[in-house]
PDB file of N, CA and C in Angstrom:
ATOM      1  N   MET A   1       0.883  -1.092  -0.174  1.00  0.00           N
ATOM      2  CA  MET A   1      -0.063  -0.065  -0.049  1.00  0.00           C
ATOM      3  C   MET A   1       0.852   1.021  -0.156  1.00  0.00           C
ATOM      4  N   ASP A   2       0.723   2.052  -0.817  1.00  0.00           N
ATOM      5  CA  ASP A   2       1.629   3.456  -0.923  1.00  0.00           C
ATOM      6  C   ASP A   2       0.898   4.360   0.078  1.00  0.00           C
ATOM      7  N   LEU A   3       2.020   4.668   1.008  1.00  0.00           N
ATOM      8  CA  LEU A   3       1.738   5.311   2.419  1.00  0.00           C
ATOM      9  C   LEU A   3       1.158   6.847   1.606  1.00  0.00           C
ATOM     10  N   GLY A   4       1.792   7.602   0.582  1.00  0.00           N
ATOM     11  CA  GLY A   4       1.315   8.391   0.164  1.00  0.00           C
ATOM     12  C   GLY A   4      -0.014   8.676  -0.116  1.00  0.00           C
ATOM     13  N   ASP A   5      -0.867   7.510  -0.453  1.00  0.00           N
ATOM     14  CA  ASP A   5      -2.202   7.560  -0.718  1.00  0.00           C
ATOM     15  C   ASP A   5      -2.807   7.063   0.383  1.00  0.00           C
ATOM     16  N   LEU A   6      -2.655   6.733   1.310  1.00  0.00           N
ATOM     17  CA  LEU A   6      -3.259   6.259   2.480  1.00  0.00           C
ATOM     18  C   LEU A   6      -4.132   7.346   3.347  1.00  0.00           C
ATOM     19  N   THR A   7      -5.616   6.989   3.545  1.00  0.00           N
ATOM     20  CA  THR A   7      -6.216   7.985   4.046  1.00  0.00           C
ATOM     21  C   THR A   7      -6.832   7.161   5.399  1.00  0.00           C
ATOM     22  N   PHE A   8      -7.412   8.057   6.132  1.00  0.00           N
ATOM     23  CA  PHE A   8      -8.007   7.785   7.577  1.00  0.00           C
ATOM     24  C   PHE A   8      -9.161   6.780   7.032  1.00  0.00           C
ATOM     25  N   GLU A   9      -9.863   7.047   5.839  1.00  0.00           N
ATOM     26  CA  GLU A   9     -10.924   6.115   5.300  1.00  0.00           C
ATOM     27  C   GLU A   9     -10.478   4.767   4.977  1.00  0.00           C
ATOM     28  N   ALA A  10      -9.065   4.450   4.384  1.00  0.00           N
ATOM     29  CA  ALA A  10      -8.713   3.619   4.152  1.00  0.00           C
ATOM     30  C   ALA A  10      -8.044   2.658   5.283  1.00  0.00           C
ATOM     31  N   ALA A  11      -7.712   3.201   6.210  1.00  0.00           N
ATOM     32  CA  ALA A  11      -6.922   2.729   7.416  1.00  0.00           C
ATOM     33  C   ALA A  11      -7.731   2.263   8.481  1.00  0.00           C
ATOM     34  N   LYS A  12      -8.800   3.037   8.526  1.00  0.00           N
ATOM     35  CA  LYS A  12      -9.962   2.357   9.565  1.00  0.00           C
ATOM     36  C   LYS A  12     -10.556   0.926   9.275  1.00  0.00           C
ATOM     37  N   PRO A  13     -10.490   0.466   8.294  1.00  0.00           N
ATOM     38  CA  PRO A  13     -11.200  -0.940   8.333  1.00  0.00           C
ATOM     39  C   PRO A  13      -9.859  -1.988   8.709  1.00  0.00           C
ATOM     40  N   LEU A  14      -8.728  -1.451   8.640  1.00  0.00           N
ATOM     41  CA  LEU A  14      -7.329  -2.083   9.068  1.00  0.00           C
ATOM     42  C   LEU A  14      -7.324  -2.463  10.742  1.00  0.00           C
ATOM     43  N   VAL A  15      -8.130  -1.820  11.258  1.00  0.00           N
ATOM     44  CA  VAL A  15      -7.891  -2.112  12.725  1.00  0.00           C
ATOM     45  C   VAL A  15      -8.104  -3.297  13.150  1.00  0.00           C
ATOM     46  N   GLY A  16      -7.182  -3.874  13.905  1.00  0.00           N
ATOM     47  CA  GLY A  16      -7.341  -5.338  14.397  1.00  0.00           C
ATOM     48  C   GLY A  16      -6.227  -6.196  13.438  1.00  0.00           C
ATOM     49  N   THR A  17      -5.834  -5.610  12.394  1.00  0.00           N
ATOM     50  CA  THR A  17      -4.709  -6.261  11.578  1.00  0.00           C
ATOM     51  C   THR A  17      -3.260  -6.463  12.365  1.00  0.00           C
ATOM     52  N   THR A  18      -3.072  -7.611  12.175  1.00  0.00           N
ATOM     53  CA  THR A  18      -1.378  -8.005  12.769  1.00  0.00           C
ATOM     54  C   THR A  18      -0.580  -7.971  11.620  1.00  0.00           C
ATOM     55  N   PHE A  19       0.549  -7.153  11.900  1.00  0.00           N
ATOM     56  CA  PHE A  19       1.642  -6.968  10.919  1.00  0.00           C
ATOM     57  C   PHE A  19       3.060  -7.500  11.726  1.00  0.00           C
ATOM     58  N   GLU A  20       3.763  -8.291  10.541  1.00  0.00           N
ATOM     59  CA  GLU A  20       4.960  -8.831  11.183  1.00  0.00           C
ATOM     60  C   GLU A  20       6.028  -7.611  10.806  1.00  0.00           C
ATOM     61  N   VAL A  21       7.364  -7.417  11.756  1.00  0.00           N
ATOM     62  CA  VAL A  21       8.180  -6.453  11.381  1.00  0.00           C
ATOM     63  C   VAL A  21       9.347  -7.316  11.606  1.00  0.00           C
ATOM     64  N   THR A  22      10.143  -7.253  10.371  1.00  0.00           N
ATOM     65  CA  THR A  22      11.506  -7.750  10.636  1.00  0.00           C
ATOM     66  C   THR A  22      12.425  -6.765  11.152  1.00  0.00           C
ATOM     67  N   LEU A  23      13.300  -7.189  12.080  1.00  0.00           N
ATOM     68  CA  LEU A  23      14.157  -6.239  12.498  1.00  0.00           C
ATOM     69  C   LEU A  23      15.677  -6.340  11.800  1.00  0.00           C
ATOM     70  N   GLU A  24      16.852  -5.437  12.226  1.00  0.00           N
ATOM     71  CA  GLU A  24      18.096  -5.334  11.855  1.00  0.00           C
ATOM     72  C   GLU A  24      18.627  -6.572  12.137  1.00  0.00           C
ATOM     73  N   ASN A  25      18.587  -7.104  13.079  1.00  0.00           N
ATOM     74  CA  ASN A  25      19.021  -8.399  13.259  1.00  0.00           C
ATOM     75  C   ASN A  25      18.420  -9.666  12.868  1.00  0.00           C
ATOM     76  N   GLY A  26      17.438  -9.747  12.109  1.00  0.00           N
ATOM     77  CA  GLY A  26      16.824 -10.659  11.353  1.00  0.00           C
ATOM     78  C   GLY A  26      15.671 -11.215  12.295  1.00  0.00           C
ATOM     79  N   ARG A  27      15.568 -11.028  13.453  1.00  0.00           N
ATOM     80  CA  ARG A  27      14.642 -11.448  14.238  1.00  0.00           C
ATOM     81  C   ARG A  27      12.962 -10.670  13.518  1.00  0.00           C
ATOM     82  N   THR A  28      12.046 -11.124  14.223  1.00  0.00           N
ATOM     83  CA  THR A  28      10.836 -10.769  13.666  1.00  0.00           C
ATOM     84  C   THR A  28       9.978 -10.341  15.145  1.00  0.00           C
ATOM     85  N   THR A  29       8.859  -9.212  15.040  1.00  0.00           N
ATOM     86  CA  THR A  29       8.107  -8.859  16.170  1.00  0.00           C
ATOM     87  C   THR A  29       6.772  -8.720  15.519  1.00  0.00           C
ATOM     88  N   THR A  30       5.827  -8.823  16.343  1.00  0.00           N
ATOM     89  CA  THR A  30       4.379  -8.439  15.527  1.00  0.00           C
ATOM     90  C   THR A  30       3.759  -7.160  16.246  1.00  0.00           C
ATOM     91  N   LEU A  31       3.211  -6.603  15.491  1.00  0.00           N
ATOM     92  CA  LEU A  31       2.521  -5.174  15.818  1.00  0.00           C
ATOM     93  C   LEU A  31       1.068  -5.504  15.435  1.00  0.00           C
ATOM     94  N   ARG A  32       0.186  -5.108  16.232  1.00  0.00           N
ATOM     95  CA  ARG A  32      -1.276  -5.114  15.747  1.00  0.00           C
ATOM     96  C   ARG A  32      -2.031  -3.518  15.571  1.00  0.00           C
ATOM     97  N   LEU A  33      -2.513  -3.274  14.760  1.00  0.00           N
ATOM     98  CA  LEU A  33      -3.023  -1.945  14.232  1.00  0.00           C
ATOM     99  C   LEU A  33      -4.150  -1.875  15.476  1.00  0.00           C
ATOM    100  N   ASP A  34      -4.282  -0.844  16.311  1.00  0.00           N
ATOM    101  CA  ASP A  34      -5.051  -1.024  17.641  1.00  0.00           C
ATOM    102  C   ASP A  34      -6.106   0.149  17.056  1.00  0.00           C
ATOM    103  N   GLU A  35      -5.774   1.263  16.820  1.00  0.00           N
ATOM    104  CA  GLU A  35      -6.684   2.276  16.666  1.00  0.00           C
ATOM    105  C   GLU A  35      -6.274   2.830  15.369  1.00  0.00           C
ATOM    106  N   ALA A  36      -6.994   3.873  14.603  1.00  0.00           N
ATOM    107  CA  ALA A  36      -7.041   4.862  13.476  1.00  0.00           C
ATOM    108  C   ALA A  36      -7.492   5.945  13.870  1.00  0.00           C
ATOM    109  N   LEU A  37      -7.177   7.124  14.288  1.00  0.00           N
ATOM    110  CA  LEU A  37      -8.052   8.397  14.677  1.00  0.00           C
ATOM    111  C   LEU A  37      -7.610   9.457  14.003  1.00  0.00           C
ATOM    112  N   PRO A  38      -8.661  10.400  13.840  1.00  0.00           N
ATOM    113  CA  PRO A  38      -8.303  11.657  13.220  1.00  0.00           C
ATOM    114  C   PRO A  38      -7.230  12.191  13.923  1.00  0.00           C
ATOM    115  N   TYR A  39      -6.519  13.359  13.467  1.00  0.00           N
ATOM    116  CA  TYR A  39      -5.079  13.716  14.242  1.00  0.00           C
ATOM    117  C   TYR A  39      -5.408  15.245  14.005  1.00  0.00           C
ATOM    118  N   GLU A  40      -5.221  16.176  15.076  1.00  0.00           N
ATOM    119  CA  GLU A  40      -5.283  17.561  14.885  1.00  0.00           C
ATOM    120  C   GLU A  40      -3.857  18.373  14.632  1.00  0.00           C
ATOM    121  N   VAL A  41      -4.031  18.910  13.587  1.00  0.00           N
ATOM    122  CA  VAL A  41      -2.899  19.584  13.105  1.00  0.00           C
ATOM    123  C   VAL A  41      -2.866  20.878  13.280  1.00  0.00           C
ATOM    124  N   ARG A  42      -1.919  21.469  14.179  1.00  0.00           N
ATOM    125  CA  ARG A  42      -1.983  23.066  14.207  1.00  0.00           C
ATOM    126  C   ARG A  42      -1.143  23.697  13.106  1.00  0.00           C
ATOM    127  N   GLN A  43      -1.723  24.768  12.298  1.00  0.00           N
ATOM    128  CA  GLN A  43      -1.010  25.289  11.313  1.00  0.00           C
ATOM    129  C   GLN A  43      -0.762  26.706  11.413  1.00  0.00           C
ATOM    130  N   ARG A  44       0.470  27.249  11.392  1.00  0.00           N
ATOM    131  CA  ARG A  44       0.526  28.479  11.698  1.00  0.00           C
ATOM    132  C   ARG A  44      -0.149  29.305  10.686  1.00  0.00           C
ATOM    133  N   ARG A  45      -0.082  29.229   9.517  1.00  0.00           N
ATOM    134  CA  ARG A  45      -0.962  29.459   8.320  1.00  0.00           C
ATOM    135  C   ARG A  45      -1.268  28.577   7.245  1.00  0.00           C
ATOM    136  N   GLN A  46      -2.314  28.573   6.740  1.00  0.00           N
ATOM    137  CA  GLN A  46      -3.165  27.707   5.609  1.00  0.00           C
ATOM    138  C   GLN A  46      -2.516  28.138   4.393  1.00  0.00           C
ATOM    139  N   ARG A  47      -1.708  27.542   3.881  1.00  0.00           N
ATOM    140  CA  ARG A  47      -1.232  28.053   2.436  1.00  0.00           C
ATOM    141  C   ARG A  47      -1.834  27.341   1.206  1.00  0.00           C
ATOM    142  N   THR A  48      -1.790  25.979   1.575  1.00  0.00           N
ATOM    143  CA  THR A  48      -2.573  25.147   0.336  1.00  0.00           C
ATOM    144  C   THR A  48      -3.428  24.151   1.141  1.00  0.00           C
ATOM    145  N   LYS A  49      -4.676  23.631   0.650  1.00  0.00           N
ATOM    146  CA  LYS A  49      -5.389  22.519   0.935  1.00  0.00           C
ATOM    147  C   LYS A  49      -4.453  21.218   0.989  1.00  0.00           C
ATOM    148  N   PRO A  50      -4.489  20.486   2.278  1.00  0.00           N
ATOM    149  CA  PRO A  50      -3.982  19.549   2.244  1.00  0.00           C
ATOM    150  C   PRO A  50      -4.554  18.491   1.382  1.00  0.00           C
ATOM    151  N   LYS A  51      -3.499  17.584   0.893  1.00  0.00           N
ATOM    152  CA  LYS A  51      -4.023  16.254   0.317  1.00  0.00           C
ATOM    153  C   LYS A  51      -5.155  15.280   0.969  1.00  0.00           C
ATOM    154  N   ARG A  52      -4.825  15.227   2.194  1.00  0.00           N
ATOM    155  CA  ARG A  52      -5.558  14.143   2.736  1.00  0.00           C
ATOM    156  C   ARG A  52      -5.757  15.036   4.262  1.00  0.00           C
ATOM    157  N   ASP A  53      -6.921  14.494   4.970  1.00  0.00           N
ATOM    158  CA  ASP A  53      -7.047  14.826   6.360  1.00  0.00           C
ATOM    159  C   ASP A  53      -6.060  14.071   7.640  1.00  0.00           C
ATOM    160  N   ALA A  54      -5.633  14.917   8.380  1.00  0.00           N
ATOM    161  CA  ALA A  54      -4.410  13.900   8.862  1.00  0.00           C
ATOM    162  C   ALA A  54      -5.162  12.974   9.853  1.00  0.00           C
ATOM    163  N   PHE A  55      -4.507  12.024  10.174  1.00  0.00           N
ATOM    164  CA  PHE A  55      -4.933  10.918  11.114  1.00  0.00           C
ATOM    165  C   PHE A  55      -3.530  10.195  11.426  1.00  0.00           C
ATOM    166  N   ALA A  56      -3.884   9.478  12.763  1.00  0.00           N
ATOM    167  CA  ALA A  56      -2.561   8.617  13.248  1.00  0.00           C
ATOM    168  C   ALA A  56      -3.106   7.409  13.378  1.00  0.00           C
ATOM    169  N   LEU A  57      -2.091   6.303  13.284  1.00  0.00           N
ATOM    170  CA  LEU A  57      -2.070   5.142  13.313  1.00  0.00           C
ATOM    171  C   LEU A  57      -1.433   4.687  14.778  1.00  0.00           C
ATOM    172  N   TYR A  58      -2.174   3.740  15.619  1.00  0.00           N
ATOM    173  CA  TYR A  58      -1.607   3.298  16.999  1.00  0.00           C
ATOM    174  C   TYR A  58      -1.633   1.897  16.793  1.00  0.00           C
ATOM    175  N   LEU A  59      -0.268   1.601  17.127  1.00  0.00           N
ATOM    176  CA  LEU A  59       0.080   0.087  17.183  1.00  0.00           C
ATOM    177  C   LEU A  59       0.560  -0.644  18.358  1.00  0.00           C
ATOM    178  N   LEU A  60       0.120  -1.879  18.488  1.00  0.00           N
ATOM    179  CA  LEU A  60       0.575  -2.359  19.797  1.00  0.00           C
ATOM    180  C   LEU A  60       1.544  -3.710  19.689  1.00  0.00           C
ATOM    181  N   GLY A  61       2.502  -3.535  20.589  1.00  0.00           N
ATOM    182  CA  GLY A  61       3.796  -4.490  20.188  1.00  0.00           C
ATOM    183  C   GLY A  61       3.859  -5.185  21.454  1.00  0.00           C
ATOM    184  N   ASP A  62       5.137  -6.130  21.460  1.00  0.00           N
ATOM    185  CA  ASP A  62       5.695  -6.983  22.520  1.00  0.00           C
ATOM    186  C   ASP A  62       6.139  -5.946  23.786  1.00  0.00           C
ATOM    187  N   PRO A  63       5.419  -6.318  24.788  1.00  0.00           N
ATOM    188  CA  PRO A  63       5.845  -5.255  26.130  1.00  0.00           C
ATOM    189  C   PRO A  63       7.174  -5.180  26.522  1.00  0.00           C
ATOM    190  N   SER A  64       7.913  -6.465  26.153  1.00  0.00           N
ATOM    191  CA  SER A  64       9.230  -6.900  26.508  1.00  0.00           C
ATOM    192  C   SER A  64      10.358  -6.114  25.384  1.00  0.00           C
ATOM    193  N   LEU A  65       9.769  -5.566  24.368  1.00  0.00           N
ATOM    194  CA  LEU A  65      10.784  -4.850  23.308  1.00  0.00           C
ATOM    195  C   LEU A  65      10.109  -3.539  23.048  1.00  0.00           C
ATOM    196  N   VAL A  66      11.061  -2.577  22.999  1.00  0.00           N
ATOM    197  CA  VAL A  66      10.993  -1.202  22.155  1.00  0.00           C
ATOM    198  C   VAL A  66      11.591  -0.912  21.216  1.00  0.00           C
ATOM    199  N   LEU A  67      10.902  -0.652  19.910  1.00  0.00           N
ATOM    200  CA  LEU A  67      11.433  -0.497  18.767  1.00  0.00           C
ATOM    201  C   LEU A  67      11.804   1.006  18.908  1.00  0.00           C
ATOM    202  N   PRO A  68      13.069   1.412  18.552  1.00  0.00           N
ATOM    203  CA  PRO A  68      13.629   2.859  18.277  1.00  0.00           C
ATOM    204  C   PRO A  68      12.640   3.541  17.068  1.00  0.00           C
ATOM    205  N   GLN A  69      12.387   4.789  17.411  1.00  0.00           N
ATOM    206  CA  GLN A  69      11.732   5.501  16.428  1.00  0.00           C
ATOM    207  C   GLN A  69      12.423   5.435  15.179  1.00  0.00           C
ATOM    208  N   GLY A  70      11.628   5.260  14.142  1.00  0.00           N
ATOM    209  CA  GLY A  70      12.390   4.817  12.827  1.00  0.00           C
ATOM    210  C   GLY A  70      11.399   4.356  11.893  1.00  0.00           C
ATOM    211  N   MET A  71      11.926   3.857  10.651  1.00  0.00           N
ATOM    212  CA  MET A  71      11.183   3.613   9.458  1.00  0.00           C
ATOM    213  C   MET A  71      11.239   1.973   9.456  1.00  0.00           C
ATOM    214  N   TYR A  72       9.964   1.483   9.257  1.00  0.00           N
ATOM    215  CA  TYR A  72       9.827   0.039   9.245  1.00  0.00           C
ATOM    216  C   TYR A  72       8.806  -0.588   8.398  1.00  0.00           C
ATOM    217  N   THR A  73       9.028  -1.742   7.933  1.00  0.00           N
ATOM    218  CA  THR A  73       8.134  -2.266   6.706  1.00  0.00           C
ATOM    219  C   THR A  73       7.302  -3.322   7.727  1.00  0.00           C
ATOM    220  N   LEU A  74       6.033  -2.947   7.659  1.00  0.00           N
ATOM    221  CA  LEU A  74       4.909  -3.928   8.313  1.00  0.00           C
ATOM    222  C   LEU A  74       4.265  -4.736   7.337  1.00  0.00           C
ATOM    223  N   ARG A  75       4.248  -5.806   7.405  1.00  0.00           N
ATOM    224  CA  ARG A  75       3.744  -6.795   6.431  1.00  0.00           C
ATOM    225  C   ARG A  75       2.456  -7.404   7.225  1.00  0.00           C
ATOM    226  N   GLY A  76       1.197  -7.308   6.708  1.00  0.00           N
ATOM    227  CA  GLY A  76      -0.087  -8.081   7.145  1.00  0.00           C
ATOM    228  C   GLY A  76      -0.708  -9.057   5.846  1.00  0.00           C
ATOM    229  N   ARG A  77      -1.585  -9.666   6.070  1.00  0.00           N
ATOM    230  CA  ARG A  77      -2.400  -9.827   5.033  1.00  0.00           C
ATOM    231  C   ARG A  77      -3.215  -9.092   4.388  1.00  0.00           C
ATOM    232  N   GLU A  78      -3.956  -8.337   4.995  1.00  0.00           N
ATOM    233  CA  GLU A  78      -4.395  -7.010   4.157  1.00  0.00           C
ATOM    234  C   GLU A  78      -3.687  -6.191   3.503  1.00  0.00           C
ATOM    235  N   ALA A  79      -2.451  -5.840   4.043  1.00  0.00           N
ATOM    236  CA  ALA A  79      -1.606  -4.639   3.483  1.00  0.00           C
ATOM    237  C   ALA A  79      -0.519  -4.876   4.102  1.00  0.00           C
ATOM    238  N   THR A  80       0.251  -4.045   3.411  1.00  0.00           N
ATOM    239  CA  THR A  80       1.651  -3.973   3.797  1.00  0.00           C
ATOM    240  C   THR A  80       2.099  -2.450   3.597  1.00  0.00           C
ATOM    241  N   PHE A  81       2.847  -1.973   4.656  1.00  0.00           N
ATOM    242  CA  PHE A  81       3.279  -0.636   4.863  1.00  0.00           C
ATOM    243  C   PHE A  81       4.903  -0.619   4.794  1.00  0.00           C
ATOM    244  N   GLU A  82       5.130  -0.264   3.697  1.00  0.00           N
ATOM    245  CA  GLU A  82       6.819   0.197   3.596  1.00  0.00           C
ATOM    246  C   GLU A  82       7.312   1.231   4.008  1.00  0.00           C
ATOM    247  N   ASN A  83       8.264   1.369   4.683  1.00  0.00           N
ATOM    248  CA  ASN A  83       8.883   2.646   5.279  1.00  0.00           C
ATOM    249  C   ASN A  83       8.214   3.310   6.004  1.00  0.00           C
ATOM    250  N   LEU A  84       7.275   2.985   6.775  1.00  0.00           N
ATOM    251  CA  LEU A  84       6.264   3.722   8.035  1.00  0.00           C
ATOM    252  C   LEU A  84       7.031   3.896   9.059  1.00  0.00           C
ATOM    253  N   PHE A  85       7.123   5.128   9.554  1.00  0.00           N
ATOM    254  CA  PHE A  85       7.951   5.881  10.338  1.00  0.00           C
ATOM    255  C   PHE A  85       7.040   5.904  11.602  1.00  0.00           C
ATOM    256  N   ILE A  86       7.434   5.186  12.529  1.00  0.00           N
ATOM    257  CA  ILE A  86       6.770   4.668  13.763  1.00  0.00           C
ATOM    258  C   ILE A  86       7.488   5.421  15.024  1.00  0.00           C
ATOM    259  N   VAL A  87       6.927   5.657  15.936  1.00  0.00           N
ATOM    260  CA  VAL A  87       7.282   6.255  17.432  1.00  0.00           C
ATOM    261  C   VAL A  87       6.889   5.522  18.202  1.00  0.00           C
ATOM    262  N   PRO A  88       7.768   5.034  19.461  1.00  0.00           N
ATOM    263  CA  PRO A  88       7.160   4.394  20.550  1.00  0.00           C
ATOM    264  C   PRO A  88       6.707   5.708  21.374  1.00  0.00           C
ATOM    265  N   ILE A  89       5.255   5.372  21.833  1.00  0.00           N
ATOM    266  CA  ILE A  89       4.659   6.361  22.687  1.00  0.00           C
ATOM    267  C   ILE A  89       4.402   6.043  24.375  1.00  0.00           C
ATOM    268  N   GLY A  90       4.526   4.684  24.585  1.00  0.00           N
ATOM    269  CA  GLY A  90       4.158   4.154  26.027  1.00  0.00           C
ATOM    270  C   GLY A  90       4.461   2.846  25.847  1.00  0.00           C
ATOM    271  N   GLN A  91       4.403   2.545  27.332  1.00  0.00           N
ATOM    272  CA  GLN A  91       4.687   1.066  27.716  1.00  0.00           C
ATOM    273  C   GLN A  91       4.120   0.774  28.747  1.00  0.00           C
ATOM    274  N   ASP A  92       3.805  -0.613  28.828  1.00  0.00           N
ATOM    275  CA  ASP A  92       3.292  -1.019  30.197  1.00  0.00           C
ATOM    276  C   ASP A  92       3.406  -2.904  30.258  1.00  0.00           C
ATOM    277  N   GLU A  93       2.731  -3.266  31.452  1.00  0.00           N
ATOM    278  CA  GLU A  93       2.763  -4.744  31.395  1.00  0.00           C
ATOM    279  C   GLU A  93       2.378  -5.508  30.055  1.00  0.00           C
ATOM    280  N   THR A  94       1.463  -5.042  29.523  1.00  0.00           N
ATOM    281  CA  THR A  94       0.596  -5.605  28.507  1.00  0.00           C
ATOM    282  C   THR A  94       1.177  -5.352  26.970  1.00  0.00           C
ATOM    283  N   ALA A  95       1.677  -4.284  26.818  1.00  0.00           N
ATOM    284  CA  ALA A  95       2.287  -3.703  25.269  1.00  0.00           C
ATOM    285  C   ALA A  95       3.045  -2.750  25.393  1.00  0.00           C
ATOM    286  N   THR A  96       3.741  -2.668  24.102  1.00  0.00           N
ATOM    287  CA  THR A  96       4.383  -1.130  24.001  1.00  0.00           C
ATOM    288  C   THR A  96       3.639  -0.754  22.640  1.00  0.00           C
ATOM    289  N   GLU A  97       3.564   0.620  23.019  1.00  0.00           N
ATOM    290  CA  GLU A  97       2.461   1.391  21.956  1.00  0.00           C
ATOM    291  C   GLU A  97       3.370   2.485  21.023  1.00  0.00           C
ATOM    292  N   TYR A  98       3.132   2.204  19.778  1.00  0.00           N
ATOM    293  CA  TYR A  98       3.742   3.384  18.680  1.00  0.00           C
ATOM    294  C   TYR A  98       2.592   3.989  18.036  1.00  0.00           C
ATOM    295  N   GLU A  99       3.081   5.296  17.383  1.00  0.00           N
ATOM    296  CA  GLU A  99       2.131   6.055  16.783  1.00  0.00           C
ATOM    297  C   GLU A  99       2.900   6.402  15.207  1.00  0.00           C
ATOM    298  N   ALA A 100       1.900   6.476  14.600  1.00  0.00           N
ATOM    299  CA  ALA A 100       2.375   6.964  12.949  1.00  0.00           C
ATOM    300  C   ALA A 100       1.356   7.925  12.766  1.00  0.00           C
ATOM    301  N   VAL A 101       2.244   8.994  12.498  1.00  0.00           N
ATOM    302  CA  VAL A 101       1.226  10.147  12.150  1.00  0.00           C
ATOM    303  C   VAL A 101       1.100  10.575  10.404  1.00  0.00           C
ATOM    304  N   PHE A 102       0.155  10.745  10.009  1.00  0.00           N
ATOM    305  CA  PHE A 102      -0.138  11.131   8.437  1.00  0.00           C
ATOM    306  C   PHE A 102      -0.460  12.490   8.262  1.00  0.00           C
ATOM    307  N   THR A 103      -0.123  13.474   7.680  1.00  0.00           N
ATOM    308  CA  THR A 103      -0.531  14.744   7.262  1.00  0.00           C
ATOM    309  C   THR A 103      -0.747  15.087   5.843  1.00  0.00           C
TER     310      THR A 103
END
């Protein structure tokens, strides 16, 4: 799936999808798309109409592993996201949470 064309409407049905991520050391881990939500972007001034409405994807992964922020390829049955920039935003005993923002 081309991330440049991904919209909130296209992402919403993917909630619940499990993705496999291959790490630099060759190991794999799993991330599950937990939520897709509209994302408020504060702009100093509006120059052009944005290509799409801003939204964010929230993914949950293994609580014992925190992936550093960066670009990852997420492979799932319904979709593959290549070069998705994710940021770890929280961790507890049940999961590590990641965010990917689209503007």
